[in-house]
Amino acid sequence: MYVHLLKRETLEAAYLEARRKDGAPGEDGETFERIEERGREEFLARIAEELRTGTYRPRPYRRREIPKEGGKVRVISIPSIRDRTVQGALRLILEPIFEADFSDSSFGARPGRSAHEAIETVKQGLRQRKHRVVDVDLKGFLGFEFRWERSPRTGKWYAHRSPRKKKVTEVLGKVRDTLRAGRALPIRAAVERVNGIVRGWVNYFRVGNSGQAFGKVKQYVERKVRRFVAKRAGRRGLGWKRWSREVVYGAWGLYGDYRVRYYNPSKARLQPNGIITPVR
């Protein structure tokens, strides 16, 4: 299989995939912009030659600490673009081979699979009275709380999925901190920062029984934004009479799409990644 790693189309496909994902430079400080300026052809040819002659050696990773709750940090290691290209080429070759042997109920770090699909699988399993879970990262992989409840409308039992309270608290804290840090920003600019936080959170938790949590988040965010604007105007209160919701969600541009949507596995499943056709 090593001979396939040396092929120009494999290395270029891996490089283009890494470039689409962008990402920070590694320990050597090399960026995609610099590589393109010097010439992608030369960059890939040098990698291929090192692999062919056996002189290729991975470079040290750049370590970066990401703050977590409780004062803890998560350390991530960032490889150079050169090493990202080689790693990506190896994945393109090996992934289809190992992918065929994975269980259909396995979702971690697999192409075309998502956390939403894993959540749907858990829900279906609960409906089939499969209440025993083996080696599944439900507490940490997903952010949902699962409860076996009886529907007040139909009387049937179902798997109730809603955002964990901790996840709701986290997003509310981020909105609060963002507005505090943006006191000097124009209203639209501050609101757009809030939108970036809320939009991603809502899109992730949009599947399941998230209506109650969404209502809480929407109310909190609107109140915080109103208070932010009122302080800037030197006024007290939240301006319920002064600023209508058309102003808040229209003129200020506050994100307001908190609709819960039903998950459709057939539409969500993507095809596994394969060799990418290089675009010159």
Protein backbone atom coordinates (compact mmCIF):
# COMPACT_ATOMS: atom_id res chain seq x y z
CA MET A 1 0.00 0.00 0.00
CA TYR A 2 2.97 2.29 0.52
CA VAL A 3 3.27 2.87 -3.21
CA HIS A 4 -0.18 4.49 -3.23
CA LEU A 5 0.99 6.97 -0.58
CA LEU A 6 3.62 8.29 -2.98
CA LYS A 7 1.14 8.99 -5.75
CA ARG A 8 0.76 12.64 -6.63
CA GLU A 9 -3.06 12.49 -6.75
CA THR A 10 -3.23 11.01 -3.25
CA LEU A 11 -0.94 13.64 -1.72
CA GLU A 12 -2.69 16.47 -3.54
CA ALA A 13 -6.12 15.25 -2.47
CA ALA A 14 -4.94 15.15 1.16
CA TYR A 15 -3.39 18.61 0.87
CA LEU A 16 -6.56 20.12 -0.63
CA GLU A 17 -8.67 18.59 2.13
CA ALA A 18 -6.34 20.04 4.78
CA ARG A 19 -6.48 23.43 3.07
CA ARG A 20 -10.29 23.43 3.06
CA LYS A 21 -10.25 22.80 6.82
CA ASP A 22 -7.62 25.53 7.19
CA GLY A 23 -6.47 25.47 10.81
CA ALA A 24 -3.55 27.01 12.65
CA PRO A 25 0.06 26.43 11.53
CA GLY A 26 2.25 23.88 13.28
CA GLU A 27 5.54 24.32 15.10
CA ASP A 28 7.32 25.40 11.90
CA GLY A 29 4.94 28.35 11.34
CA GLU A 30 4.23 27.28 7.76
CA THR A 31 0.91 28.52 6.34
CA PHE A 32 -1.11 27.55 3.28
CA GLU A 33 -0.61 31.04 1.87
CA ARG A 34 3.18 30.69 1.91
CA ILE A 35 3.02 27.24 0.37
CA GLU A 36 0.83 28.48 -2.48
CA GLU A 37 3.14 31.44 -3.06
CA ARG A 38 6.18 29.17 -3.41
CA GLY A 39 4.25 26.61 -5.40
CA ARG A 40 2.13 23.65 -4.38
CA GLU A 41 3.85 21.44 -6.97
CA GLU A 42 7.25 21.86 -5.34
CA PHE A 43 5.82 21.33 -1.85
CA LEU A 44 4.15 18.02 -2.75
CA ALA A 45 7.11 16.83 -4.85
CA ARG A 46 9.44 17.32 -1.86
CA ILE A 47 7.13 15.28 0.40
CA ALA A 48 6.88 12.50 -2.19
CA GLU A 49 10.67 12.36 -2.53
CA GLU A 50 11.17 12.14 1.23
CA LEU A 51 8.63 9.33 1.43
CA ARG A 52 10.22 7.50 -1.52
CA THR A 53 13.75 7.69 -0.12
CA GLY A 54 12.71 6.96 3.48
CA THR A 55 14.02 10.28 4.76
CA TYR A 56 10.61 11.64 5.83
CA ARG A 57 10.46 12.40 9.55
CA PRO A 58 7.45 13.97 11.30
CA ARG A 59 8.11 17.35 12.87
CA PRO A 60 7.29 18.26 16.50
CA TYR A 61 3.69 19.24 17.15
CA ARG A 62 2.76 22.68 18.39
CA ARG A 63 1.01 22.33 21.73
CA ARG A 64 -1.87 24.62 22.61
CA GLU A 65 -3.97 24.74 25.78
CA ILE A 66 -7.72 25.23 25.57
CA PRO A 67 -9.41 26.37 28.84
CA LYS A 68 -12.08 24.05 30.26
CA GLU A 69 -14.44 24.19 33.21
CA GLY A 70 -13.05 24.30 36.73
CA GLY A 71 -9.75 25.83 35.71
CA LYS A 72 -8.70 22.75 33.75
CA VAL A 73 -7.21 22.85 30.27
CA ARG A 74 -7.36 20.55 27.27
CA VAL A 75 -4.06 20.25 25.45
CA ILE A 76 -4.24 19.90 21.68
CA SER A 77 -1.30 19.10 19.43
CA ILE A 78 -1.16 20.84 16.05
CA PRO A 79 0.88 19.14 13.31
CA SER A 80 2.58 21.03 10.49
CA ILE A 81 0.81 21.25 7.13
CA ARG A 82 3.48 18.92 5.74
CA ASP A 83 2.61 16.26 8.31
CA ARG A 84 -1.12 16.94 7.95
CA THR A 85 -0.78 16.16 4.26
CA VAL A 86 0.96 12.83 4.89
CA GLN A 87 -1.51 11.89 7.63
CA GLY A 88 -4.42 12.78 5.36
CA ALA A 89 -2.98 10.68 2.54
CA LEU A 90 -2.66 7.69 4.88
CA ARG A 91 -6.25 8.17 6.00
CA LEU A 92 -7.52 8.25 2.41
CA ILE A 93 -5.82 4.90 1.78
CA LEU A 94 -6.62 3.13 5.06
CA GLU A 95 -10.07 4.50 5.87
CA PRO A 96 -12.03 2.57 3.20
CA ILE A 97 -10.28 -0.64 4.28
CA PHE A 98 -11.10 -0.40 7.99
CA GLU A 99 -14.46 1.33 7.48
CA ALA A 100 -15.90 -1.86 5.99
CA ASP A 101 -15.31 -3.76 9.27
CA PHE A 102 -16.81 -1.23 11.69
CA SER A 103 -20.10 -1.94 13.40
CA ASP A 104 -23.02 0.02 12.00
CA SER A 105 -23.67 1.30 15.52
CA SER A 106 -20.21 2.89 15.77
CA PHE A 107 -20.07 6.66 15.19
CA GLY A 108 -16.88 8.04 16.72
CA ALA A 109 -14.55 9.79 14.24
CA ARG A 110 -16.13 8.07 11.24
CA PRO A 111 -16.76 9.75 7.86
CA GLY A 112 -20.30 10.80 7.10
CA ARG A 113 -21.50 10.21 10.68
CA SER A 114 -22.51 12.75 13.25
CA ALA A 115 -23.47 13.13 16.90
CA HIS A 116 -27.08 13.66 15.79
CA GLU A 117 -27.09 10.24 14.16
CA ALA A 118 -25.73 8.67 17.34
CA ILE A 119 -28.49 10.38 19.34
CA GLU A 120 -31.11 9.02 16.94
CA THR A 121 -29.69 5.52 17.32
CA VAL A 122 -29.89 5.78 21.12
CA LYS A 123 -33.50 6.93 20.83
CA GLN A 124 -34.43 4.03 18.59
CA GLY A 125 -32.69 1.60 20.92
CA LEU A 126 -34.67 2.88 23.89
CA ARG A 127 -37.90 2.49 21.94
CA GLN A 128 -36.95 -1.14 21.34
CA ARG A 129 -36.44 -1.62 25.09
CA LYS A 130 -32.65 -1.77 24.70
CA HIS A 131 -31.76 -0.06 27.97
CA ARG A 132 -28.22 -1.32 28.44
CA VAL A 133 -25.41 0.81 26.99
CA VAL A 134 -21.87 -0.46 26.46
CA ASP A 135 -18.92 1.95 26.06
CA VAL A 136 -20.87 4.91 24.73
CA ASP A 137 -19.83 8.44 25.68
CA LEU A 138 -23.28 9.76 26.48
CA LYS A 139 -22.25 11.83 29.49
CA GLY A 140 -19.34 13.71 27.90
CA PHE A 141 -19.67 12.60 22.40
CA LEU A 142 -23.30 14.24 22.98
CA GLY A 143 -24.60 16.95 25.55
CA PHE A 144 -28.14 15.49 25.72
CA GLU A 145 -30.01 14.11 28.69
CA PHE A 146 -32.05 10.97 27.97
CA ARG A 147 -35.14 10.11 30.01
CA TRP A 148 -37.72 7.38 29.52
CA GLU A 149 -41.06 9.24 29.79
CA ARG A 150 -44.73 8.69 29.09
CA SER A 151 -46.34 11.03 26.57
CA PRO A 152 -49.17 13.05 28.20
CA ARG A 153 -50.92 13.12 24.81
CA THR A 154 -50.75 9.47 23.70
CA GLY A 155 -49.86 7.70 26.93
CA LYS A 156 -47.01 5.87 25.18
CA TRP A 157 -43.48 5.70 26.53
CA TYR A 158 -40.75 7.43 24.54
CA ALA A 159 -37.10 8.47 24.78
CA HIS A 160 -37.11 12.11 25.86
CA ARG A 161 -33.98 13.95 24.68
CA SER A 162 -33.21 17.44 25.87
CA PRO A 163 -30.06 19.56 26.37
CA ARG A 164 -28.36 18.88 29.69
CA LYS A 165 -28.80 21.68 32.21
CA LYS A 166 -25.05 22.16 32.21
CA LYS A 167 -25.09 22.86 28.47
CA VAL A 168 -27.85 25.42 28.88
CA THR A 169 -25.92 27.15 31.65
CA GLU A 170 -22.77 27.20 29.52
CA VAL A 171 -24.36 28.94 26.55
CA LEU A 172 -26.07 31.50 28.79
CA GLY A 173 -22.74 32.27 30.43
CA LYS A 174 -21.06 32.73 27.06
CA VAL A 175 -23.74 35.20 25.97
CA ARG A 176 -23.38 37.16 29.20
CA ASP A 177 -19.58 37.31 28.97
CA THR A 178 -19.69 38.27 25.28
CA LEU A 179 -21.94 41.24 25.93
CA ARG A 180 -19.83 42.37 28.87
CA ALA A 181 -16.69 42.26 26.74
CA GLY A 182 -18.41 44.12 23.89
CA ARG A 183 -19.58 47.20 25.77
CA ALA A 184 -17.81 49.52 23.34
CA LEU A 185 -19.09 47.79 20.20
CA PRO A 186 -21.93 49.07 18.01
CA ILE A 187 -25.23 47.30 18.65
CA ARG A 188 -25.18 45.27 15.41
CA ALA A 189 -21.59 44.14 16.00
CA ALA A 190 -22.29 43.01 19.57
CA VAL A 191 -25.47 41.21 18.51
CA GLU A 192 -23.62 39.40 15.73
CA ARG A 193 -21.14 38.04 18.27
CA VAL A 194 -24.04 36.76 20.34
CA ASN A 195 -25.61 35.25 17.22
CA GLY A 196 -22.45 33.29 16.49
CA ILE A 197 -22.71 31.61 19.90
CA VAL A 198 -26.44 30.98 19.93
CA ARG A 199 -26.81 29.85 16.32
CA GLY A 200 -24.28 27.04 16.65
CA TRP A 201 -25.73 25.89 19.99
CA VAL A 202 -29.30 25.85 18.70
CA ASN A 203 -28.39 24.02 15.48
CA TYR A 204 -26.75 21.25 17.47
CA PHE A 205 -29.59 20.80 19.97
CA ARG A 206 -32.37 21.38 17.43
CA VAL A 207 -33.15 17.66 17.28
CA GLY A 208 -34.98 16.04 20.16
CA ASN A 209 -37.28 17.54 22.79
CA SER A 210 -35.49 20.86 23.18
CA GLY A 211 -38.45 23.23 23.10
CA GLN A 212 -38.42 24.07 26.82
CA ALA A 213 -34.67 24.67 26.88
CA PHE A 214 -34.89 26.77 23.71
CA GLY A 215 -37.59 28.93 25.26
CA LYS A 216 -35.38 29.59 28.28
CA VAL A 217 -32.35 30.43 26.15
CA LYS A 218 -34.30 32.70 23.79
CA GLN A 219 -35.86 34.64 26.67
CA TYR A 220 -32.52 35.04 28.45
CA VAL A 221 -30.67 36.18 25.32
CA GLU A 222 -33.31 38.74 24.40
CA ARG A 223 -33.34 40.15 27.92
CA LYS A 224 -29.54 40.41 28.00
CA VAL A 225 -29.42 42.15 24.63
CA ARG A 226 -32.18 44.57 25.66
CA ARG A 227 -30.29 45.37 28.86
CA PHE A 228 -27.08 45.86 26.86
CA VAL A 229 -28.77 48.41 24.58
CA ALA A 230 -30.58 50.14 27.45
CA LYS A 231 -27.32 50.69 29.33
CA ARG A 232 -25.73 52.15 26.22
CA ALA A 233 -28.66 54.57 25.97
CA GLY A 234 -28.37 55.50 29.65
CA ARG A 235 -31.78 54.02 30.45
CA ARG A 236 -33.05 51.66 33.11
CA GLY A 237 -35.07 48.51 32.54
CA LEU A 238 -35.28 46.41 29.41
CA GLY A 239 -37.17 48.74 27.09
CA TRP A 240 -40.16 46.49 26.43
CA LYS A 241 -42.29 49.45 25.31
CA ARG A 242 -39.49 51.38 23.63
CA TRP A 243 -38.14 48.54 21.45
CA SER A 244 -40.55 46.05 19.90
CA ARG A 245 -39.52 42.53 18.95
CA GLU A 246 -39.49 43.69 15.32
CA VAL A 247 -36.69 46.06 16.31
CA VAL A 248 -34.79 43.46 18.35
CA TYR A 249 -34.94 40.69 15.76
CA GLY A 250 -35.16 42.93 12.70
CA ALA A 251 -33.21 46.17 13.07
CA TRP A 252 -30.69 44.76 15.57
CA GLY A 253 -30.58 41.40 13.80
CA LEU A 254 -30.79 39.13 16.87
CA TYR A 255 -30.96 35.44 15.96
CA GLY A 256 -34.48 34.11 16.49
CA ASP A 257 -34.82 30.69 14.82
CA TYR A 258 -35.42 28.37 17.78
CA ARG A 259 -37.61 25.85 15.97
CA VAL A 260 -37.17 22.20 16.90
CA ARG A 261 -36.80 19.94 13.88
CA TYR A 262 -37.24 16.22 13.52
CA TYR A 263 -34.10 14.31 12.64
CA ASN A 264 -34.21 12.41 9.34
CA PRO A 265 -31.47 9.74 9.24
CA SER A 266 -31.86 9.08 5.51
CA LYS A 267 -31.16 12.70 4.65
CA ALA A 268 -28.46 13.24 7.27
CA ARG A 269 -26.22 10.30 6.30
CA LEU A 270 -23.37 11.39 4.07
CA GLN A 271 -21.29 9.17 1.88
CA PRO A 272 -17.88 8.18 3.32
CA ASN A 273 -14.98 10.27 2.15
CA GLY A 274 -12.98 8.91 -0.77
CA ILE A 275 -10.22 10.16 -2.98
CA ILE A 276 -10.83 13.81 -3.76
CA THR A 277 -10.48 14.94 -7.34
CA PRO A 278 -7.86 17.72 -7.30
CA VAL A 279 -8.99 21.10 -8.59
CA ARG A 280 -6.21 22.93 -10.37
